[in-house]
């Protein structure tokens, strides 16, 4: 395949450019269908006249249909996309980015989707779809999946579908309530994922954060202990990565703790741990549920986080080396590569 690509690039350099462009257009239409031509031009950063020309070609050859609601990919378009994936992987800059980030952060898997989830909700949806696709490749029956809260993981739940090879899986929240909006809480996300995946779920109804005394009382409750065993022994963990100060403010953290986070240059937050740029823990919220040290028990610990603004937080968190999979977007990936500490 590589030799063929080299020959094509030398003899027909324009051909590869056209193929990449048409693949990109088809991919984005499939991702956001139905979508209008003008909106599509803005997403893929191509002039409208070029998009118009390519749309005419794809429409004439039956790869898309154009309706009053917008453009949609046909079954022939789906087939051509599937056939192009291995070919385009060879020449896609994302494969290069994935390889570079995989090496620099010492990860087993890196998956990058196009775009910037800071500016386009559809990119966050693509992150969710990518995570569900990855789960389909790794999950087997009767496994336990622990999930955190947050907007990125909520989107994974939104995109969840029945898992082909994973029957009777159990979904559990990795922590108690976070003071987030209900739809972004781990309990809600856990239940949504389980229903869509045709699995079962358990809830963890405890407040967060807790005083030291309350913590030791609650974890001795039989019902809580039962769920915590499932959480600590989860086969797969799916979690987000937050910007430290943003997460602290969202959770209505006291001014004392906010000052502490500022003074110690907290950059990222995950599982109630606030980390600085070197990955050192500068503050920990007392919470019932998964701890960083529990992650080593899981076969896959999947971080889902994207957006230009999240790059520093992602880099900070992975200094801990506790997760082995990163699903992110183009904007965050490029910032990670540019980062001086990488």
C-alpha atoms as a PDB file:
ATOM      1  CA  UNK A   1       0.000   0.000   0.000  1.00  0.00           C
ATOM      2  CA  UNK A   2       2.788   2.430   0.925  1.00  0.00           C
ATOM      3  CA  UNK A   3       4.623   1.811  -2.397  1.00  0.00           C
ATOM      4  CA  UNK A   4       1.425   2.422  -4.346  1.00  0.00           C
ATOM      5  CA  UNK A   5       0.818   5.679  -2.462  1.00  0.00           C
ATOM      6  CA  UNK A   6       4.369   6.834  -3.219  1.00  0.00           C
ATOM      7  CA  UNK A   7       3.904   6.138  -6.942  1.00  0.00           C
ATOM      8  CA  UNK A   8       0.546   7.899  -7.046  1.00  0.00           C
ATOM      9  CA  UNK A   9       1.943  10.900  -5.214  1.00  0.00           C
ATOM     10  CA  UNK A  10       4.746  11.229  -7.785  1.00  0.00           C
ATOM     11  CA  UNK A  11       2.719  10.537 -10.949  1.00  0.00           C
ATOM     12  CA  UNK A  12      -0.693  11.916  -9.968  1.00  0.00           C
ATOM     13  CA  UNK A  13      -0.200  14.365  -7.056  1.00  0.00           C
ATOM     14  CA  UNK A  14      -3.546  16.053  -7.771  1.00  0.00           C
ATOM     15  CA  UNK A  15      -5.371  12.728  -7.559  1.00  0.00           C
ATOM     16  CA  UNK A  16      -4.482  12.223  -3.911  1.00  0.00           C
ATOM     17  CA  UNK A  17      -5.530  15.778  -3.086  1.00  0.00           C
ATOM     18  CA  UNK A  18      -8.911  15.297  -4.770  1.00  0.00           C
ATOM     19  CA  UNK A  19      -9.461  11.952  -3.042  1.00  0.00           C
ATOM     20  CA  UNK A  20      -8.661  13.408   0.362  1.00  0.00           C
ATOM     21  CA  UNK A  21     -10.994  16.339  -0.265  1.00  0.00           C
ATOM     22  CA  UNK A  22     -13.909  14.160  -1.389  1.00  0.00           C
ATOM     23  CA  UNK A  23     -13.362  11.729   1.463  1.00  0.00           C
ATOM     24  CA  UNK A  24     -13.350  14.620   3.935  1.00  0.00           C
ATOM     25  CA  UNK A  25     -16.569  16.058   2.488  1.00  0.00           C
ATOM     26  CA  UNK A  26     -18.310  12.661   2.558  1.00  0.00           C
ATOM     27  CA  UNK A  27     -17.085  12.050   6.101  1.00  0.00           C
ATOM     28  CA  UNK A  28     -18.424  15.387   7.373  1.00  0.00           C
ATOM     29  CA  UNK A  29     -21.768  14.980   5.615  1.00  0.00           C
ATOM     30  CA  UNK A  30     -22.173  11.538   7.227  1.00  0.00           C
ATOM     31  CA  UNK A  31     -21.184  12.994  10.600  1.00  0.00           C
ATOM     32  CA  UNK A  32     -23.607  15.933  10.528  1.00  0.00           C
ATOM     33  CA  UNK A  33     -26.334  14.914   8.090  1.00  0.00           C
ATOM     34  CA  UNK A  34     -28.599  16.483   7.042  1.00  0.00           C
ATOM     35  CA  UNK A  35     -26.419  19.542   6.472  1.00  0.00           C
ATOM     36  CA  UNK A  36     -26.514  22.467   4.035  1.00  0.00           C
ATOM     37  CA  UNK A  37     -23.675  23.364   1.679  1.00  0.00           C
ATOM     38  CA  UNK A  38     -22.884  26.677   3.343  1.00  0.00           C
ATOM     39  CA  UNK A  39     -22.659  25.123   6.799  1.00  0.00           C
ATOM     40  CA  UNK A  40     -20.471  22.351   5.419  1.00  0.00           C
ATOM     41  CA  UNK A  41     -18.075  24.899   3.879  1.00  0.00           C
ATOM     42  CA  UNK A  42     -17.605  26.516   7.283  1.00  0.00           C
ATOM     43  CA  UNK A  43     -16.890  23.205   9.018  1.00  0.00           C
ATOM     44  CA  UNK A  44     -14.293  21.914   6.562  1.00  0.00           C
ATOM     45  CA  UNK A  45     -12.635  25.270   5.827  1.00  0.00           C
ATOM     46  CA  UNK A  46     -13.006  25.096   2.033  1.00  0.00           C
ATOM     47  CA  UNK A  47     -14.282  27.779  -0.319  1.00  0.00           C
ATOM     48  CA  UNK A  48     -17.954  27.405  -1.124  1.00  0.00           C
ATOM     49  CA  UNK A  49     -17.337  27.180  -4.870  1.00  0.00           C
ATOM     50  CA  UNK A  50     -15.019  24.196  -4.344  1.00  0.00           C
ATOM     51  CA  UNK A  51     -17.537  22.522  -2.063  1.00  0.00           C
ATOM     52  CA  UNK A  52     -20.297  23.191  -4.607  1.00  0.00           C
ATOM     53  CA  UNK A  53     -18.276  21.515  -7.362  1.00  0.00           C
ATOM     54  CA  UNK A  54     -17.510  18.466  -5.227  1.00  0.00           C
ATOM     55  CA  UNK A  55     -21.126  18.211  -4.059  1.00  0.00           C
ATOM     56  CA  UNK A  56     -22.278  18.130  -7.693  1.00  0.00           C
ATOM     57  CA  UNK A  57     -19.829  15.305  -8.425  1.00  0.00           C
ATOM     58  CA  UNK A  58     -20.832  13.260  -5.376  1.00  0.00           C
ATOM     59  CA  UNK A  59     -24.529  13.807  -6.093  1.00  0.00           C
ATOM     60  CA  UNK A  60     -24.208  12.829  -9.772  1.00  0.00           C
ATOM     61  CA  UNK A  61     -22.448   9.604  -8.832  1.00  0.00           C
ATOM     62  CA  UNK A  62     -25.041   8.661  -6.215  1.00  0.00           C
ATOM     63  CA  UNK A  63     -22.846   9.025  -3.147  1.00  0.00           C
ATOM     64  CA  UNK A  64     -25.082  11.682  -1.575  1.00  0.00           C
ATOM     65  CA  UNK A  65     -28.619  12.993  -1.956  1.00  0.00           C
ATOM     66  CA  UNK A  66     -29.515  16.672  -1.725  1.00  0.00           C
ATOM     67  CA  UNK A  67     -32.911  17.468  -0.176  1.00  0.00           C
ATOM     68  CA  UNK A  68     -34.631  20.556   1.170  1.00  0.00           C
ATOM     69  CA  UNK A  69     -33.403  19.584   4.644  1.00  0.00           C
ATOM     70  CA  UNK A  70     -29.786  19.251   3.530  1.00  0.00           C
ATOM     71  CA  UNK A  71     -27.354  16.656   2.204  1.00  0.00           C
ATOM     72  CA  UNK A  72     -27.215  13.021   3.299  1.00  0.00           C
ATOM     73  CA  UNK A  73     -24.914  10.120   2.444  1.00  0.00           C
ATOM     74  CA  UNK A  74     -26.449   7.235   0.464  1.00  0.00           C
ATOM     75  CA  UNK A  75     -25.719   3.527   0.956  1.00  0.00           C
ATOM     76  CA  UNK A  76     -23.246   3.751  -1.953  1.00  0.00           C
ATOM     77  CA  UNK A  77     -21.602   6.676  -0.181  1.00  0.00           C
ATOM     78  CA  UNK A  78     -21.389   4.612   3.019  1.00  0.00           C
ATOM     79  CA  UNK A  79     -19.767   1.758   1.108  1.00  0.00           C
ATOM     80  CA  UNK A  80     -17.168   3.983  -0.529  1.00  0.00           C
ATOM     81  CA  UNK A  81     -16.335   5.577   2.831  1.00  0.00           C
ATOM     82  CA  UNK A  82     -15.747   2.144   4.367  1.00  0.00           C
ATOM     83  CA  UNK A  83     -13.494   1.086   1.484  1.00  0.00           C
ATOM     84  CA  UNK A  84     -11.521   4.330   1.624  1.00  0.00           C
ATOM     85  CA  UNK A  85     -10.770   4.165   5.361  1.00  0.00           C
ATOM     86  CA  UNK A  86      -7.643   1.931   5.196  1.00  0.00           C
ATOM     87  CA  UNK A  87      -6.371   3.816   2.146  1.00  0.00           C
ATOM     88  CA  UNK A  88      -6.934   7.247   3.672  1.00  0.00           C
ATOM     89  CA  UNK A  89      -5.429   6.145   6.967  1.00  0.00           C
ATOM     90  CA  UNK A  90      -2.104   5.811   5.174  1.00  0.00           C
ATOM     91  CA  UNK A  91      -2.097   9.429   4.059  1.00  0.00           C
ATOM     92  CA  UNK A  92      -4.090  11.054   6.819  1.00  0.00           C
ATOM     93  CA  UNK A  93      -2.298  13.516   9.055  1.00  0.00           C
ATOM     94  CA  UNK A  94      -4.393  12.199  11.941  1.00  0.00           C
ATOM     95  CA  UNK A  95      -2.587   8.865  11.805  1.00  0.00           C
ATOM     96  CA  UNK A  96       0.701  10.749  12.119  1.00  0.00           C
ATOM     97  CA  UNK A  97      -0.695  12.819  14.995  1.00  0.00           C
ATOM     98  CA  UNK A  98      -2.034   9.714  16.712  1.00  0.00           C
ATOM     99  CA  UNK A  99       1.337   8.007  16.431  1.00  0.00           C
ATOM    100  CA  UNK A 100       3.229  11.038  17.773  1.00  0.00           C
ATOM    101  CA  UNK A 101       0.915  11.511  20.749  1.00  0.00           C
ATOM    102  CA  UNK A 102       0.893   7.774  21.444  1.00  0.00           C
ATOM    103  CA  UNK A 103       4.691   7.790  21.681  1.00  0.00           C
ATOM    104  CA  UNK A 104       5.021  11.016  23.668  1.00  0.00           C
ATOM    105  CA  UNK A 105       2.340  10.206  26.227  1.00  0.00           C
ATOM    106  CA  UNK A 106       3.229   6.488  26.318  1.00  0.00           C
ATOM    107  CA  UNK A 107      -0.293   5.299  25.463  1.00  0.00           C
ATOM    108  CA  UNK A 108      -1.612   2.072  23.972  1.00  0.00           C
ATOM    109  CA  UNK A 109      -4.298   3.723  21.826  1.00  0.00           C
ATOM    110  CA  UNK A 110      -4.914   7.260  20.556  1.00  0.00           C
ATOM    111  CA  UNK A 111      -7.953   8.161  18.440  1.00  0.00           C
ATOM    112  CA  UNK A 112      -8.356  11.620  16.898  1.00  0.00           C
ATOM    113  CA  UNK A 113     -11.514  13.000  15.271  1.00  0.00           C
ATOM    114  CA  UNK A 114     -11.570  16.060  12.973  1.00  0.00           C
ATOM    115  CA  UNK A 115     -12.385  19.543  14.281  1.00  0.00           C
ATOM    116  CA  UNK A 116     -12.514  21.459  17.552  1.00  0.00           C
ATOM    117  CA  UNK A 117     -15.126  20.533  20.158  1.00  0.00           C
ATOM    118  CA  UNK A 118     -14.700  23.967  21.769  1.00  0.00           C
ATOM    119  CA  UNK A 119     -16.421  25.538  18.782  1.00  0.00           C
ATOM    120  CA  UNK A 120     -18.615  22.800  17.288  1.00  0.00           C
ATOM    121  CA  UNK A 121     -20.912  20.505  19.267  1.00  0.00           C
ATOM    122  CA  UNK A 122     -20.847  18.039  16.364  1.00  0.00           C
ATOM    123  CA  UNK A 123     -17.162  17.365  17.112  1.00  0.00           C
ATOM    124  CA  UNK A 124     -18.037  16.407  20.686  1.00  0.00           C
ATOM    125  CA  UNK A 125     -20.634  14.077  19.193  1.00  0.00           C
ATOM    126  CA  UNK A 126     -17.882  12.583  17.028  1.00  0.00           C
ATOM    127  CA  UNK A 127     -15.799  11.986  20.175  1.00  0.00           C
ATOM    128  CA  UNK A 128     -18.755  10.101  21.660  1.00  0.00           C
ATOM    129  CA  UNK A 129     -19.181   8.009  18.514  1.00  0.00           C
ATOM    130  CA  UNK A 130     -15.455   7.223  18.413  1.00  0.00           C
ATOM    131  CA  UNK A 131     -15.582   6.018  22.016  1.00  0.00           C
ATOM    132  CA  UNK A 132     -18.602   3.784  21.338  1.00  0.00           C
ATOM    133  CA  UNK A 133     -16.854   2.345  18.267  1.00  0.00           C
ATOM    134  CA  UNK A 134     -13.751   1.592  20.349  1.00  0.00           C
ATOM    135  CA  UNK A 135     -15.863  -0.060  23.053  1.00  0.00           C
ATOM    136  CA  UNK A 136     -17.352  -2.315  20.375  1.00  0.00           C
ATOM    137  CA  UNK A 137     -13.871  -3.562  19.553  1.00  0.00           C
ATOM    138  CA  UNK A 138     -12.755  -4.333  23.123  1.00  0.00           C
ATOM    139  CA  UNK A 139     -15.763  -5.307  25.239  1.00  0.00           C
ATOM    140  CA  UNK A 140     -16.851  -8.882  25.862  1.00  0.00           C
ATOM    141  CA  UNK A 141     -19.841 -10.195  27.760  1.00  0.00           C
ATOM    142  CA  UNK A 142     -20.336  -9.866  31.519  1.00  0.00           C
ATOM    143  CA  UNK A 143     -17.844  -7.034  31.982  1.00  0.00           C
ATOM    144  CA  UNK A 144     -18.167  -4.019  34.274  1.00  0.00           C
ATOM    145  CA  UNK A 145     -17.771  -0.504  32.886  1.00  0.00           C
ATOM    146  CA  UNK A 146     -17.243   2.427  35.264  1.00  0.00           C
ATOM    147  CA  UNK A 147     -18.062   5.916  33.990  1.00  0.00           C
ATOM    148  CA  UNK A 148     -17.525   9.433  35.311  1.00  0.00           C
ATOM    149  CA  UNK A 149     -19.715  12.483  34.839  1.00  0.00           C
ATOM    150  CA  UNK A 150     -19.117  15.479  32.591  1.00  0.00           C
ATOM    151  CA  UNK A 151     -20.233  16.743  29.196  1.00  0.00           C
ATOM    152  CA  UNK A 152     -17.850  14.589  27.134  1.00  0.00           C
ATOM    153  CA  UNK A 153     -18.931  11.358  28.822  1.00  0.00           C
ATOM    154  CA  UNK A 154     -22.577  12.446  28.564  1.00  0.00           C
ATOM    155  CA  UNK A 155     -22.035  12.584  24.806  1.00  0.00           C
ATOM    156  CA  UNK A 156     -20.664   9.028  24.849  1.00  0.00           C
ATOM    157  CA  UNK A 157     -23.967   8.030  26.474  1.00  0.00           C
ATOM    158  CA  UNK A 158     -25.911   9.948  23.813  1.00  0.00           C
ATOM    159  CA  UNK A 159     -24.124   8.021  21.058  1.00  0.00           C
ATOM    160  CA  UNK A 160     -24.245   4.608  22.752  1.00  0.00           C
ATOM    161  CA  UNK A 161     -25.740   1.671  20.822  1.00  0.00           C
ATOM    162  CA  UNK A 162     -26.183  -2.034  21.547  1.00  0.00           C
ATOM    163  CA  UNK A 163     -22.710  -3.582  21.843  1.00  0.00           C
ATOM    164  CA  UNK A 164     -22.236  -6.470  19.390  1.00  0.00           C
ATOM    165  CA  UNK A 165     -20.027  -8.771  21.440  1.00  0.00           C
ATOM    166  CA  UNK A 166     -20.845  -7.603  24.951  1.00  0.00           C
ATOM    167  CA  UNK A 167     -23.925  -9.136  26.530  1.00  0.00           C
ATOM    168  CA  UNK A 168     -24.945  -8.610  30.150  1.00  0.00           C
ATOM    169  CA  UNK A 169     -22.465  -5.824  30.820  1.00  0.00           C
ATOM    170  CA  UNK A 170     -22.915  -3.781  33.987  1.00  0.00           C
ATOM    171  CA  UNK A 171     -22.429  -0.013  34.039  1.00  0.00           C
ATOM    172  CA  UNK A 172     -21.529   1.696  37.308  1.00  0.00           C
ATOM    173  CA  UNK A 173     -20.813   5.335  38.229  1.00  0.00           C
ATOM    174  CA  UNK A 174     -17.186   5.812  39.225  1.00  0.00           C
ATOM    175  CA  UNK A 175     -18.102   8.353  41.924  1.00  0.00           C
ATOM    176  CA  UNK A 176     -21.014   9.810  43.828  1.00  0.00           C
ATOM    177  CA  UNK A 177     -22.811  13.016  42.833  1.00  0.00           C
ATOM    178  CA  UNK A 178     -20.676  15.942  41.693  1.00  0.00           C
ATOM    179  CA  UNK A 179     -23.008  18.877  42.081  1.00  0.00           C
ATOM    180  CA  UNK A 180     -23.219  18.980  38.284  1.00  0.00           C
ATOM    181  CA  UNK A 181     -26.389  19.387  36.254  1.00  0.00           C
ATOM    182  CA  UNK A 182     -28.387  16.158  36.441  1.00  0.00           C
ATOM    183  CA  UNK A 183     -27.697  15.177  32.819  1.00  0.00           C
ATOM    184  CA  UNK A 184     -23.939  15.430  33.424  1.00  0.00           C
ATOM    185  CA  UNK A 185     -23.841  13.383  36.628  1.00  0.00           C
ATOM    186  CA  UNK A 186     -22.245   9.935  36.604  1.00  0.00           C
ATOM    187  CA  UNK A 187     -25.433   8.198  37.821  1.00  0.00           C
ATOM    188  CA  UNK A 188     -27.514   9.642  34.983  1.00  0.00           C
ATOM    189  CA  UNK A 189     -24.871   8.885  32.345  1.00  0.00           C
ATOM    190  CA  UNK A 190     -24.406   5.356  33.668  1.00  0.00           C
ATOM    191  CA  UNK A 191     -28.130   4.582  33.417  1.00  0.00           C
ATOM    192  CA  UNK A 192     -28.369   6.049  29.910  1.00  0.00           C
ATOM    193  CA  UNK A 193     -25.405   4.012  28.650  1.00  0.00           C
ATOM    194  CA  UNK A 194     -26.764   0.795  30.129  1.00  0.00           C
ATOM    195  CA  UNK A 195     -30.225   1.226  28.602  1.00  0.00           C
ATOM    196  CA  UNK A 196     -28.849   1.945  25.119  1.00  0.00           C
ATOM    197  CA  UNK A 197     -26.285  -0.876  25.333  1.00  0.00           C
ATOM    198  CA  UNK A 198     -28.914  -3.356  26.585  1.00  0.00           C
ATOM    199  CA  UNK A 199     -26.942  -3.791  29.790  1.00  0.00           C
ATOM    200  CA  UNK A 200     -27.660  -3.350  33.492  1.00  0.00           C
ATOM    201  CA  UNK A 201     -26.621  -0.584  35.861  1.00  0.00           C
ATOM    202  CA  UNK A 202     -26.148   0.226  39.516  1.00  0.00           C
ATOM    203  CA  UNK A 203     -26.413   3.613  41.179  1.00  0.00           C
ATOM    204  CA  UNK A 204     -24.179   5.264  43.765  1.00  0.00           C
ATOM    205  CA  UNK A 205     -26.319   7.718  45.705  1.00  0.00           C
ATOM    206  CA  UNK A 206     -23.848   9.581  47.890  1.00  0.00           C
ATOM    207  CA  UNK A 207     -23.050  13.299  48.128  1.00  0.00           C
ATOM    208  CA  UNK A 208     -19.741  14.700  46.932  1.00  0.00           C
ATOM    209  CA  UNK A 209     -17.573  16.038  48.509  1.00  0.00           C
ATOM    210  CA  UNK A 210     -17.802  14.531  51.998  1.00  0.00           C
ATOM    211  CA  UNK A 211     -16.346  15.285  55.400  1.00  0.00           C
ATOM    212  CA  UNK A 212     -13.837  12.760  56.726  1.00  0.00           C
ATOM    213  CA  UNK A 213     -16.298  11.466  59.321  1.00  0.00           C
ATOM    214  CA  UNK A 214     -19.163  11.097  56.846  1.00  0.00           C
ATOM    215  CA  UNK A 215     -16.884   9.342  54.359  1.00  0.00           C
ATOM    216  CA  UNK A 216     -15.863   6.600  56.791  1.00  0.00           C
ATOM    217  CA  UNK A 217     -19.477   6.111  57.891  1.00  0.00           C
ATOM    218  CA  UNK A 218     -20.898   5.849  54.360  1.00  0.00           C
ATOM    219  CA  UNK A 219     -18.342   3.403  52.953  1.00  0.00           C
ATOM    220  CA  UNK A 220     -19.278   0.911  55.680  1.00  0.00           C
ATOM    221  CA  UNK A 221     -22.901   0.789  54.551  1.00  0.00           C
ATOM    222  CA  UNK A 222     -23.540  -2.713  53.042  1.00  0.00           C
ATOM    223  CA  UNK A 223     -25.297  -1.384  49.923  1.00  0.00           C
ATOM    224  CA  UNK A 224     -22.504   1.118  49.274  1.00  0.00           C
ATOM    225  CA  UNK A 225     -19.768  -1.476  49.871  1.00  0.00           C
ATOM    226  CA  UNK A 226     -21.404  -3.792  47.332  1.00  0.00           C
ATOM    227  CA  UNK A 227     -21.362  -1.144  44.579  1.00  0.00           C
ATOM    228  CA  UNK A 228     -17.861   0.022  45.463  1.00  0.00           C
ATOM    229  CA  UNK A 229     -16.546  -3.498  44.896  1.00  0.00           C
ATOM    230  CA  UNK A 230     -17.939  -3.350  41.354  1.00  0.00           C
ATOM    231  CA  UNK A 231     -16.440   0.107  40.818  1.00  0.00           C
ATOM    232  CA  UNK A 232     -12.971  -0.818  42.074  1.00  0.00           C
ATOM    233  CA  UNK A 233     -12.887  -4.018  39.982  1.00  0.00           C
ATOM    234  CA  UNK A 234     -14.215  -2.479  36.736  1.00  0.00           C
ATOM    235  CA  UNK A 235     -12.776  -3.973  33.533  1.00  0.00           C
ATOM    236  CA  UNK A 236     -13.137  -0.690  31.633  1.00  0.00           C
ATOM    237  CA  UNK A 237     -13.174   2.891  32.891  1.00  0.00           C
ATOM    238  CA  UNK A 238     -14.427   5.808  30.772  1.00  0.00           C
ATOM    239  CA  UNK A 239     -13.644   9.276  32.085  1.00  0.00           C
ATOM    240  CA  UNK A 240     -13.285  12.914  31.147  1.00  0.00           C
ATOM    241  CA  UNK A 241     -10.513  15.381  31.929  1.00  0.00           C
ATOM    242  CA  UNK A 242     -11.462  18.812  33.240  1.00  0.00           C
ATOM    243  CA  UNK A 243      -9.682  22.137  33.449  1.00  0.00           C
ATOM    244  CA  UNK A 244      -8.941  22.546  37.163  1.00  0.00           C
ATOM    245  CA  UNK A 245     -10.363  25.995  37.878  1.00  0.00           C
ATOM    246  CA  UNK A 246     -13.336  25.537  35.567  1.00  0.00           C
ATOM    247  CA  UNK A 247     -14.302  22.319  37.355  1.00  0.00           C
ATOM    248  CA  UNK A 248     -13.740  23.831  40.804  1.00  0.00           C
ATOM    249  CA  UNK A 249     -15.991  26.798  40.025  1.00  0.00           C
ATOM    250  CA  UNK A 250     -18.641  24.562  38.460  1.00  0.00           C
ATOM    251  CA  UNK A 251     -18.761  22.568  41.680  1.00  0.00           C
ATOM    252  CA  UNK A 252     -19.061  25.712  43.774  1.00  0.00           C
ATOM    253  CA  UNK A 253     -15.763  25.070  45.534  1.00  0.00           C
ATOM    254  CA  UNK A 254     -14.956  27.271  48.528  1.00  0.00           C
ATOM    255  CA  UNK A 255     -12.809  30.379  48.051  1.00  0.00           C
ATOM    256  CA  UNK A 256     -10.179  28.774  50.308  1.00  0.00           C
ATOM    257  CA  UNK A 257      -9.763  25.792  47.955  1.00  0.00           C
ATOM    258  CA  UNK A 258      -9.902  28.015  44.851  1.00  0.00           C
ATOM    259  CA  UNK A 259      -7.046  30.093  46.252  1.00  0.00           C
ATOM    260  CA  UNK A 260      -5.120  26.910  47.000  1.00  0.00           C
ATOM    261  CA  UNK A 261      -5.605  25.678  43.433  1.00  0.00           C
ATOM    262  CA  UNK A 262      -4.432  29.014  42.052  1.00  0.00           C
ATOM    263  CA  UNK A 263      -1.392  29.122  44.305  1.00  0.00           C
ATOM    264  CA  UNK A 264      -0.348  25.586  43.407  1.00  0.00           C
ATOM    265  CA  UNK A 265      -1.003  26.117  39.682  1.00  0.00           C
ATOM    266  CA  UNK A 266      -3.620  23.395  39.312  1.00  0.00           C
ATOM    267  CA  UNK A 267      -4.183  22.589  35.634  1.00  0.00           C
ATOM    268  CA  UNK A 268      -6.352  19.483  35.370  1.00  0.00           C
ATOM    269  CA  UNK A 269      -8.994  17.529  37.301  1.00  0.00           C
ATOM    270  CA  UNK A 270     -10.067  13.894  37.105  1.00  0.00           C
ATOM    271  CA  UNK A 271     -11.677  11.573  39.684  1.00  0.00           C
ATOM    272  CA  UNK A 272     -11.652  14.425  42.222  1.00  0.00           C
ATOM    273  CA  UNK A 273      -7.865  14.908  41.961  1.00  0.00           C
ATOM    274  CA  UNK A 274      -6.478  18.307  40.964  1.00  0.00           C
ATOM    275  CA  UNK A 275      -3.083  18.124  39.249  1.00  0.00           C
ATOM    276  CA  UNK A 276      -0.452  20.686  38.295  1.00  0.00           C
ATOM    277  CA  UNK A 277       1.419  20.810  34.986  1.00  0.00           C
ATOM    278  CA  UNK A 278       3.848  18.134  36.206  1.00  0.00           C
ATOM    279  CA  UNK A 279       1.005  15.760  37.038  1.00  0.00           C
ATOM    280  CA  UNK A 280       1.449  16.170  40.798  1.00  0.00           C
ATOM    281  CA  UNK A 281      -1.666  16.061  43.007  1.00  0.00           C
ATOM    282  CA  UNK A 282      -2.143  19.494  44.585  1.00  0.00           C
ATOM    283  CA  UNK A 283      -5.614  18.897  46.027  1.00  0.00           C
ATOM    284  CA  UNK A 284      -8.006  15.978  46.401  1.00  0.00           C
ATOM    285  CA  UNK A 285     -11.734  16.035  46.999  1.00  0.00           C
ATOM    286  CA  UNK A 286     -12.867  13.468  49.564  1.00  0.00           C
ATOM    287  CA  UNK A 287     -15.297  11.356  47.572  1.00  0.00           C
ATOM    288  CA  UNK A 288     -16.810   7.871  47.604  1.00  0.00           C
ATOM    289  CA  UNK A 289     -15.814   5.900  44.527  1.00  0.00           C
ATOM    290  CA  UNK A 290     -12.870   5.285  42.269  1.00  0.00           C
ATOM    291  CA  UNK A 291      -9.416   6.548  43.231  1.00  0.00           C
ATOM    292  CA  UNK A 292      -6.456   7.038  40.906  1.00  0.00           C
ATOM    293  CA  UNK A 293      -4.727   3.979  42.315  1.00  0.00           C
ATOM    294  CA  UNK A 294      -7.735   1.828  41.337  1.00  0.00           C
ATOM    295  CA  UNK A 295      -7.163   2.488  37.644  1.00  0.00           C
ATOM    296  CA  UNK A 296      -4.296   0.011  37.397  1.00  0.00           C
ATOM    297  CA  UNK A 297      -6.805  -2.823  37.888  1.00  0.00           C
ATOM    298  CA  UNK A 298      -8.725  -2.008  34.695  1.00  0.00           C
ATOM    299  CA  UNK A 299      -7.743  -3.418  31.313  1.00  0.00           C
ATOM    300  CA  UNK A 300      -8.715  -0.198  29.555  1.00  0.00           C
ATOM    301  CA  UNK A 301      -8.877   3.291  31.038  1.00  0.00           C
ATOM    302  CA  UNK A 302     -10.314   5.549  28.340  1.00  0.00           C
ATOM    303  CA  UNK A 303      -9.988   9.332  28.587  1.00  0.00           C
ATOM    304  CA  UNK A 304     -12.377  11.304  26.363  1.00  0.00           C
ATOM    305  CA  UNK A 305     -11.464  14.996  26.123  1.00  0.00           C
ATOM    306  CA  UNK A 306     -11.150  17.462  23.285  1.00  0.00           C
ATOM    307  CA  UNK A 307     -10.976  21.113  22.343  1.00  0.00           C
ATOM    308  CA  UNK A 308      -8.101  23.523  22.026  1.00  0.00           C
ATOM    309  CA  UNK A 309      -8.712  24.699  25.597  1.00  0.00           C
ATOM    310  CA  UNK A 310      -8.238  21.194  27.054  1.00  0.00           C
ATOM    311  CA  UNK A 311      -4.714  20.542  25.728  1.00  0.00           C
ATOM    312  CA  UNK A 312      -2.885  21.642  28.905  1.00  0.00           C
ATOM    313  CA  UNK A 313      -5.282  19.681  31.106  1.00  0.00           C
ATOM    314  CA  UNK A 314      -4.860  16.541  28.984  1.00  0.00           C
ATOM    315  CA  UNK A 315      -1.082  16.851  29.116  1.00  0.00           C
ATOM    316  CA  UNK A 316      -1.149  17.431  32.884  1.00  0.00           C
ATOM    317  CA  UNK A 317      -3.380  14.420  33.560  1.00  0.00           C
ATOM    318  CA  UNK A 318      -1.354  12.004  31.429  1.00  0.00           C
ATOM    319  CA  UNK A 319       1.771  12.853  33.398  1.00  0.00           C
ATOM    320  CA  UNK A 320       0.171  10.530  35.973  1.00  0.00           C
ATOM    321  CA  UNK A 321       0.242   7.702  33.440  1.00  0.00           C
ATOM    322  CA  UNK A 322      -2.926   6.133  34.835  1.00  0.00           C
ATOM    323  CA  UNK A 323      -4.925   5.863  31.588  1.00  0.00           C
ATOM    324  CA  UNK A 324      -3.915   3.964  28.453  1.00  0.00           C
ATOM    325  CA  UNK A 325      -6.386   5.275  25.870  1.00  0.00           C
ATOM    326  CA  UNK A 326      -7.006   8.861  24.696  1.00  0.00           C
ATOM    327  CA  UNK A 327      -9.894   9.858  22.440  1.00  0.00           C
ATOM    328  CA  UNK A 328      -9.511  13.502  21.470  1.00  0.00           C
ATOM    329  CA  UNK A 329     -10.007  15.940  18.609  1.00  0.00           C
ATOM    330  CA  UNK A 330      -7.792  17.594  16.035  1.00  0.00           C
ATOM    331  CA  UNK A 331      -7.541  20.918  17.872  1.00  0.00           C
ATOM    332  CA  UNK A 332      -6.395  19.405  21.168  1.00  0.00           C
ATOM    333  CA  UNK A 333      -4.024  17.013  19.390  1.00  0.00           C
ATOM    334  CA  UNK A 334      -2.233  19.796  17.527  1.00  0.00           C
ATOM    335  CA  UNK A 335      -1.872  21.820  20.724  1.00  0.00           C
ATOM    336  CA  UNK A 336      -0.469  18.768  22.502  1.00  0.00           C
ATOM    337  CA  UNK A 337       2.181  18.382  19.808  1.00  0.00           C
ATOM    338  CA  UNK A 338       3.089  22.074  19.993  1.00  0.00           C
ATOM    339  CA  UNK A 339       3.367  21.994  23.793  1.00  0.00           C
ATOM    340  CA  UNK A 340       6.918  22.802  24.940  1.00  0.00           C
ATOM    341  CA  UNK A 341       6.840  20.189  27.683  1.00  0.00           C
ATOM    342  CA  UNK A 342       6.140  17.455  25.176  1.00  0.00           C
END
